[in-house]
Amino acid sequence: MTNCGPARGEDERERCLFFFAMAKSKNHTNHNQNYKDHRHGIKVHCKGTLSSKGLEQKLRKNRVKSRLGFWSAKKQKELRDTRAAKVDSYRKKKYEAFKVKLVAWKAREKAERKARWQAKQKK
């Protein structure tokens, strides 16, 4: 065993082995990591809710209270359906009124076209 200098309070053998240890040959490997990552699929990160930490106290309390007034999915669907039915009935009424005017307008246009054609034939 060679002398590596004075051992200040530590075992001389350990100190010498530190200098004569073999060099590390393998620095990095990514072997198998890709396989392990894809085993259950790489999930797209979902944006979470913003933290209310540091948010004004009034706003935090109001947010909690406002959520109590949210409607359930069934209730929201019912509201959407009733509103859609109202709009649909309104559109049908408007279309019926328009159809009556359209028939009259087409008859008038046809008569005018026929009159113009007859006037042209007389010349």
N, C-alpha and C. Protein backbone atom coordinates (compact mmCIF):
# COMPACT_ATOMS: atom_id res chain seq x y z
N MET A 1 0.85 -1.16 0.00
CA MET A 1 0.00 0.00 0.00
C MET A 1 0.90 1.23 0.00
N THR A 2 0.54 2.18 -0.85
CA THR A 2 1.36 3.39 -0.93
C THR A 2 0.87 4.43 0.05
N ASN A 3 1.73 5.30 0.39
CA ASN A 3 1.37 6.37 1.31
C ASN A 3 0.82 7.53 0.50
N CYS A 4 -0.38 7.95 0.80
CA CYS A 4 -1.04 9.03 0.05
C CYS A 4 -0.95 10.34 0.81
N GLY A 5 -0.05 10.47 1.66
CA GLY A 5 0.05 11.69 2.46
C GLY A 5 -0.49 11.43 3.84
N PRO A 6 -0.34 12.37 4.68
CA PRO A 6 -0.78 12.17 6.06
C PRO A 6 -2.30 12.08 6.12
N ALA A 7 -2.79 11.09 6.84
CA ALA A 7 -4.23 10.91 7.01
C ALA A 7 -4.66 11.73 8.21
N ARG A 8 -5.42 12.76 7.95
CA ARG A 8 -5.83 13.64 9.04
C ARG A 8 -7.11 13.12 9.67
N GLY A 9 -7.02 12.23 10.60
CA GLY A 9 -8.17 11.76 11.33
C GLY A 9 -9.04 10.77 10.58
N GLU A 10 -8.62 10.28 9.40
CA GLU A 10 -9.43 9.30 8.69
C GLU A 10 -8.58 8.09 8.36
N ASP A 11 -9.19 7.02 8.03
CA ASP A 11 -8.47 5.79 7.75
C ASP A 11 -7.61 5.96 6.51
N GLU A 12 -6.33 5.59 6.60
CA GLU A 12 -5.39 5.78 5.50
C GLU A 12 -5.79 4.94 4.29
N ARG A 13 -6.35 3.79 4.52
CA ARG A 13 -6.72 2.88 3.43
C ARG A 13 -7.83 3.50 2.56
N GLU A 14 -8.86 4.05 3.20
CA GLU A 14 -9.96 4.67 2.45
C GLU A 14 -9.46 5.85 1.63
N ARG A 15 -8.57 6.60 2.21
CA ARG A 15 -8.04 7.78 1.53
C ARG A 15 -7.27 7.37 0.29
N CYS A 16 -6.50 6.31 0.38
CA CYS A 16 -5.73 5.85 -0.77
C CYS A 16 -6.63 5.26 -1.84
N LEU A 17 -7.66 4.52 -1.46
CA LEU A 17 -8.58 3.93 -2.44
C LEU A 17 -9.31 5.00 -3.24
N PHE A 18 -9.53 6.13 -2.63
CA PHE A 18 -10.20 7.23 -3.32
C PHE A 18 -9.40 7.66 -4.54
N PHE A 19 -8.07 7.71 -4.41
CA PHE A 19 -7.23 8.16 -5.51
C PHE A 19 -7.04 7.09 -6.57
N PHE A 20 -7.07 5.81 -6.16
CA PHE A 20 -6.76 4.75 -7.10
C PHE A 20 -8.00 3.98 -7.56
N ALA A 21 -9.19 4.48 -7.30
CA ALA A 21 -10.40 3.79 -7.73
C ALA A 21 -10.51 3.86 -9.24
N MET A 22 -11.21 2.88 -9.84
CA MET A 22 -11.37 2.86 -11.29
C MET A 22 -12.31 3.98 -11.74
N ALA A 23 -12.08 4.44 -12.94
CA ALA A 23 -12.91 5.50 -13.48
C ALA A 23 -14.30 4.96 -13.80
N LYS A 24 -15.27 5.80 -13.65
CA LYS A 24 -16.65 5.42 -13.97
C LYS A 24 -16.79 5.43 -15.49
N SER A 25 -17.28 4.33 -16.05
CA SER A 25 -17.34 4.24 -17.51
C SER A 25 -18.72 4.60 -18.05
N LYS A 26 -19.75 4.33 -17.30
CA LYS A 26 -21.11 4.54 -17.82
C LYS A 26 -21.70 5.77 -17.14
N ASN A 27 -21.97 6.78 -17.93
CA ASN A 27 -22.47 8.03 -17.36
C ASN A 27 -23.99 8.12 -17.37
N HIS A 28 -24.61 7.62 -18.44
CA HIS A 28 -26.06 7.81 -18.54
C HIS A 28 -26.65 6.77 -19.49
N THR A 29 -27.86 6.32 -19.18
CA THR A 29 -28.59 5.47 -20.12
C THR A 29 -30.07 5.77 -19.99
N ASN A 30 -30.73 5.73 -21.12
CA ASN A 30 -32.18 5.93 -21.12
C ASN A 30 -32.87 4.63 -21.50
N HIS A 31 -32.16 3.54 -21.38
CA HIS A 31 -32.68 2.24 -21.80
C HIS A 31 -33.97 1.90 -21.06
N ASN A 32 -34.99 1.50 -21.81
CA ASN A 32 -36.26 1.00 -21.27
C ASN A 32 -37.16 2.11 -20.73
N GLN A 33 -36.68 3.32 -20.64
CA GLN A 33 -37.50 4.39 -20.06
C GLN A 33 -38.67 4.74 -20.97
N ASN A 34 -38.41 4.78 -22.28
CA ASN A 34 -39.47 5.10 -23.23
C ASN A 34 -40.56 4.05 -23.19
N TYR A 35 -40.16 2.80 -23.10
CA TYR A 35 -41.12 1.70 -23.02
C TYR A 35 -41.98 1.85 -21.77
N LYS A 36 -41.33 2.13 -20.65
CA LYS A 36 -42.06 2.26 -19.40
C LYS A 36 -43.01 3.46 -19.44
N ASP A 37 -42.56 4.54 -20.09
CA ASP A 37 -43.41 5.73 -20.18
C ASP A 37 -44.67 5.46 -20.99
N HIS A 38 -44.53 4.67 -22.06
CA HIS A 38 -45.66 4.46 -22.97
C HIS A 38 -46.54 3.28 -22.59
N ARG A 39 -46.19 2.56 -21.54
CA ARG A 39 -46.98 1.38 -21.18
C ARG A 39 -48.43 1.73 -20.90
N HIS A 40 -48.65 2.80 -20.18
CA HIS A 40 -50.02 3.24 -19.87
C HIS A 40 -50.37 4.51 -20.63
N GLY A 41 -49.60 4.81 -21.66
CA GLY A 41 -49.88 5.97 -22.48
C GLY A 41 -49.38 7.24 -21.82
N ILE A 42 -48.94 8.16 -22.65
CA ILE A 42 -48.51 9.45 -22.12
C ILE A 42 -49.73 10.34 -22.12
N LYS A 43 -50.17 10.72 -20.96
CA LYS A 43 -51.39 11.50 -20.82
C LYS A 43 -51.09 12.98 -21.05
N VAL A 44 -52.05 13.67 -21.67
CA VAL A 44 -51.91 15.10 -21.85
C VAL A 44 -52.26 15.76 -20.53
N HIS A 45 -51.45 16.68 -20.12
CA HIS A 45 -51.66 17.32 -18.83
C HIS A 45 -52.92 18.18 -18.88
N CYS A 46 -53.82 17.96 -17.93
CA CYS A 46 -55.05 18.74 -17.86
C CYS A 46 -54.80 19.99 -17.03
N LYS A 47 -55.27 21.09 -17.53
CA LYS A 47 -55.10 22.32 -16.79
C LYS A 47 -56.02 22.28 -15.58
N GLY A 48 -55.46 22.38 -14.42
CA GLY A 48 -56.26 22.32 -13.20
C GLY A 48 -56.90 23.66 -12.91
N THR A 49 -57.63 23.71 -11.82
CA THR A 49 -58.24 24.97 -11.44
C THR A 49 -57.18 25.86 -10.81
N LEU A 50 -57.36 27.14 -10.98
CA LEU A 50 -56.42 28.08 -10.40
C LEU A 50 -56.52 28.06 -8.89
N SER A 51 -55.42 28.23 -8.26
CA SER A 51 -55.39 28.25 -6.80
C SER A 51 -56.05 29.52 -6.31
N SER A 52 -56.82 29.39 -5.24
CA SER A 52 -57.45 30.59 -4.67
C SER A 52 -56.57 31.18 -3.58
N LYS A 53 -55.37 30.65 -3.45
CA LYS A 53 -54.44 31.18 -2.47
C LYS A 53 -54.02 32.58 -2.92
N GLY A 54 -54.15 33.54 -2.04
CA GLY A 54 -53.79 34.91 -2.39
C GLY A 54 -54.93 35.67 -3.04
N LEU A 55 -56.07 35.01 -3.24
CA LEU A 55 -57.23 35.67 -3.83
C LEU A 55 -57.95 36.47 -2.76
N GLU A 56 -58.58 37.54 -3.15
CA GLU A 56 -59.26 38.38 -2.18
C GLU A 56 -60.34 37.57 -1.45
N GLN A 57 -60.47 37.81 -0.16
CA GLN A 57 -61.35 36.99 0.68
C GLN A 57 -62.81 37.10 0.24
N LYS A 58 -63.24 38.30 -0.11
CA LYS A 58 -64.63 38.50 -0.56
C LYS A 58 -64.90 37.63 -1.79
N LEU A 59 -63.94 37.64 -2.71
CA LEU A 59 -64.10 36.88 -3.94
C LEU A 59 -64.17 35.38 -3.66
N ARG A 60 -63.33 34.91 -2.74
CA ARG A 60 -63.32 33.48 -2.40
C ARG A 60 -64.66 33.06 -1.84
N LYS A 61 -65.20 33.85 -0.92
CA LYS A 61 -66.48 33.51 -0.29
C LYS A 61 -67.60 33.56 -1.32
N ASN A 62 -67.56 34.58 -2.19
CA ASN A 62 -68.59 34.73 -3.21
C ASN A 62 -68.57 33.55 -4.17
N ARG A 63 -67.36 33.08 -4.50
CA ARG A 63 -67.24 31.95 -5.42
C ARG A 63 -67.91 30.71 -4.84
N VAL A 64 -67.70 30.47 -3.56
CA VAL A 64 -68.30 29.31 -2.90
C VAL A 64 -69.81 29.43 -2.90
N LYS A 65 -70.31 30.63 -2.55
CA LYS A 65 -71.76 30.83 -2.47
C LYS A 65 -72.41 30.77 -3.85
N SER A 66 -71.71 31.25 -4.86
CA SER A 66 -72.29 31.24 -6.21
C SER A 66 -72.40 29.81 -6.73
N ARG A 67 -71.49 28.94 -6.32
CA ARG A 67 -71.55 27.55 -6.78
C ARG A 67 -72.75 26.82 -6.21
N LEU A 68 -73.25 27.29 -5.09
CA LEU A 68 -74.44 26.66 -4.51
C LEU A 68 -75.65 26.86 -5.41
N GLY A 69 -75.62 27.93 -6.21
CA GLY A 69 -76.74 28.23 -7.09
C GLY A 69 -76.66 27.59 -8.45
N PHE A 70 -75.62 26.82 -8.72
CA PHE A 70 -75.48 26.17 -10.02
C PHE A 70 -76.56 25.10 -10.18
N TRP A 71 -77.05 24.96 -11.42
CA TRP A 71 -78.05 23.94 -11.69
C TRP A 71 -77.37 22.63 -12.06
N SER A 72 -78.09 21.54 -11.83
CA SER A 72 -77.56 20.23 -12.19
C SER A 72 -77.63 20.08 -13.71
N ALA A 73 -76.99 19.05 -14.23
CA ALA A 73 -76.96 18.83 -15.68
C ALA A 73 -78.36 18.58 -16.23
N LYS A 74 -79.18 17.82 -15.48
CA LYS A 74 -80.55 17.54 -15.93
C LYS A 74 -81.36 18.82 -16.02
N LYS A 75 -81.24 19.66 -14.98
CA LYS A 75 -81.98 20.91 -14.94
C LYS A 75 -81.54 21.82 -16.09
N GLN A 76 -80.23 21.87 -16.35
CA GLN A 76 -79.73 22.69 -17.44
C GLN A 76 -80.27 22.19 -18.78
N LYS A 77 -80.34 20.88 -18.95
CA LYS A 77 -80.85 20.31 -20.20
C LYS A 77 -82.33 20.66 -20.37
N GLU A 78 -83.09 20.57 -19.28
CA GLU A 78 -84.51 20.94 -19.35
C GLU A 78 -84.67 22.39 -19.77
N LEU A 79 -83.89 23.28 -19.16
CA LEU A 79 -83.97 24.69 -19.51
C LEU A 79 -83.61 24.92 -20.98
N ARG A 80 -82.55 24.26 -21.44
CA ARG A 80 -82.15 24.39 -22.84
C ARG A 80 -83.26 23.93 -23.77
N ASP A 81 -83.88 22.79 -23.43
CA ASP A 81 -84.93 22.23 -24.27
C ASP A 81 -86.16 23.14 -24.32
N THR A 82 -86.55 23.70 -23.16
CA THR A 82 -87.72 24.59 -23.15
C THR A 82 -87.45 25.85 -23.96
N ARG A 83 -86.23 26.39 -23.80
CA ARG A 83 -85.88 27.60 -24.57
C ARG A 83 -85.85 27.30 -26.06
N ALA A 84 -85.31 26.13 -26.42
CA ALA A 84 -85.25 25.74 -27.83
C ALA A 84 -86.65 25.55 -28.39
N ALA A 85 -87.55 24.98 -27.60
CA ALA A 85 -88.94 24.78 -28.04
C ALA A 85 -89.62 26.13 -28.28
N LYS A 86 -89.38 27.09 -27.38
CA LYS A 86 -89.97 28.43 -27.55
C LYS A 86 -89.47 29.07 -28.84
N VAL A 87 -88.16 29.01 -29.05
CA VAL A 87 -87.57 29.61 -30.25
C VAL A 87 -88.10 28.92 -31.50
N ASP A 88 -88.22 27.60 -31.44
CA ASP A 88 -88.70 26.83 -32.58
C ASP A 88 -90.14 27.21 -32.93
N SER A 89 -90.99 27.33 -31.91
CA SER A 89 -92.38 27.70 -32.16
C SER A 89 -92.46 29.12 -32.74
N TYR A 90 -91.62 30.02 -32.23
CA TYR A 90 -91.59 31.40 -32.75
C TYR A 90 -91.18 31.39 -34.22
N ARG A 91 -90.17 30.60 -34.55
CA ARG A 91 -89.71 30.53 -35.95
C ARG A 91 -90.79 29.95 -36.86
N LYS A 92 -91.51 28.94 -36.37
CA LYS A 92 -92.58 28.35 -37.18
C LYS A 92 -93.67 29.36 -37.46
N LYS A 93 -94.05 30.15 -36.44
CA LYS A 93 -95.07 31.18 -36.64
C LYS A 93 -94.62 32.20 -37.68
N LYS A 94 -93.36 32.63 -37.55
CA LYS A 94 -92.83 33.62 -38.49
C LYS A 94 -92.82 33.05 -39.91
N TYR A 95 -92.46 31.76 -40.03
CA TYR A 95 -92.38 31.15 -41.34
C TYR A 95 -93.77 31.01 -41.96
N GLU A 96 -94.76 30.66 -41.14
CA GLU A 96 -96.13 30.55 -41.65
C GLU A 96 -96.61 31.89 -42.19
N ALA A 97 -96.32 32.96 -41.43
CA ALA A 97 -96.72 34.30 -41.89
C ALA A 97 -95.98 34.65 -43.18
N PHE A 98 -94.71 34.30 -43.25
CA PHE A 98 -93.92 34.58 -44.44
C PHE A 98 -94.43 33.79 -45.64
N LYS A 99 -94.83 32.52 -45.39
CA LYS A 99 -95.29 31.67 -46.48
C LYS A 99 -96.55 32.24 -47.13
N VAL A 100 -97.45 32.78 -46.31
CA VAL A 100 -98.67 33.39 -46.85
C VAL A 100 -98.31 34.56 -47.76
N LYS A 101 -97.37 35.40 -47.29
CA LYS A 101 -96.94 36.55 -48.10
C LYS A 101 -96.23 36.07 -49.36
N LEU A 102 -95.45 35.01 -49.24
CA LEU A 102 -94.68 34.50 -50.37
C LEU A 102 -95.60 34.00 -51.49
N VAL A 103 -96.65 33.29 -51.13
CA VAL A 103 -97.59 32.77 -52.13
C VAL A 103 -98.24 33.93 -52.87
N ALA A 104 -98.65 34.95 -52.11
CA ALA A 104 -99.28 36.12 -52.75
C ALA A 104 -98.28 36.83 -53.66
N TRP A 105 -97.05 36.97 -53.19
CA TRP A 105 -96.02 37.66 -53.98
C TRP A 105 -95.73 36.90 -55.27
N LYS A 106 -95.63 35.55 -55.17
CA LYS A 106 -95.36 34.75 -56.37
C LYS A 106 -96.49 34.86 -57.39
N ALA A 107 -97.73 34.86 -56.89
CA ALA A 107 -98.88 34.99 -57.80
C ALA A 107 -98.84 36.35 -58.50
N ARG A 108 -98.53 37.41 -57.73
CA ARG A 108 -98.47 38.75 -58.30
C ARG A 108 -97.35 38.85 -59.35
N GLU A 109 -96.18 38.28 -59.02
CA GLU A 109 -95.05 38.29 -59.96
C GLU A 109 -95.40 37.55 -61.25
N LYS A 110 -96.08 36.41 -61.09
CA LYS A 110 -96.44 35.62 -62.26
C LYS A 110 -97.39 36.40 -63.17
N ALA A 111 -98.36 37.07 -62.55
CA ALA A 111 -99.32 37.86 -63.33
C ALA A 111 -98.61 39.01 -64.05
N GLU A 112 -97.67 39.67 -63.35
CA GLU A 112 -96.94 40.78 -63.98
C GLU A 112 -96.08 40.29 -65.14
N ARG A 113 -95.43 39.13 -64.94
CA ARG A 113 -94.59 38.56 -65.99
C ARG A 113 -95.43 38.22 -67.23
N LYS A 114 -96.62 37.66 -66.96
CA LYS A 114 -97.51 37.28 -68.06
C LYS A 114 -97.98 38.52 -68.82
N ALA A 115 -98.28 39.59 -68.06
CA ALA A 115 -98.73 40.83 -68.69
C ALA A 115 -97.61 41.42 -69.56
N ARG A 116 -96.38 41.40 -69.06
CA ARG A 116 -95.25 41.92 -69.83
C ARG A 116 -95.05 41.10 -71.11
N TRP A 117 -95.18 39.78 -70.99
CA TRP A 117 -94.98 38.91 -72.13
C TRP A 117 -96.05 39.17 -73.20
N GLN A 118 -97.32 39.35 -72.75
CA GLN A 118 -98.41 39.62 -73.69
C GLN A 118 -98.23 40.98 -74.36
N ALA A 119 -97.73 41.95 -73.60
CA ALA A 119 -97.49 43.28 -74.18
C ALA A 119 -96.40 43.19 -75.25
N LYS A 120 -95.42 42.35 -74.99
CA LYS A 120 -94.33 42.17 -75.94
C LYS A 120 -94.84 41.49 -77.22
N GLN A 121 -95.77 40.55 -77.06
CA GLN A 121 -96.31 39.82 -78.20
C GLN A 121 -97.15 40.72 -79.11
N LYS A 122 -97.83 41.70 -78.50
CA LYS A 122 -98.69 42.59 -79.28
C LYS A 122 -97.87 43.53 -80.15
N LYS A 123 -96.67 43.86 -79.76
CA LYS A 123 -95.85 44.78 -80.56
C LYS A 123 -95.38 44.19 -81.82
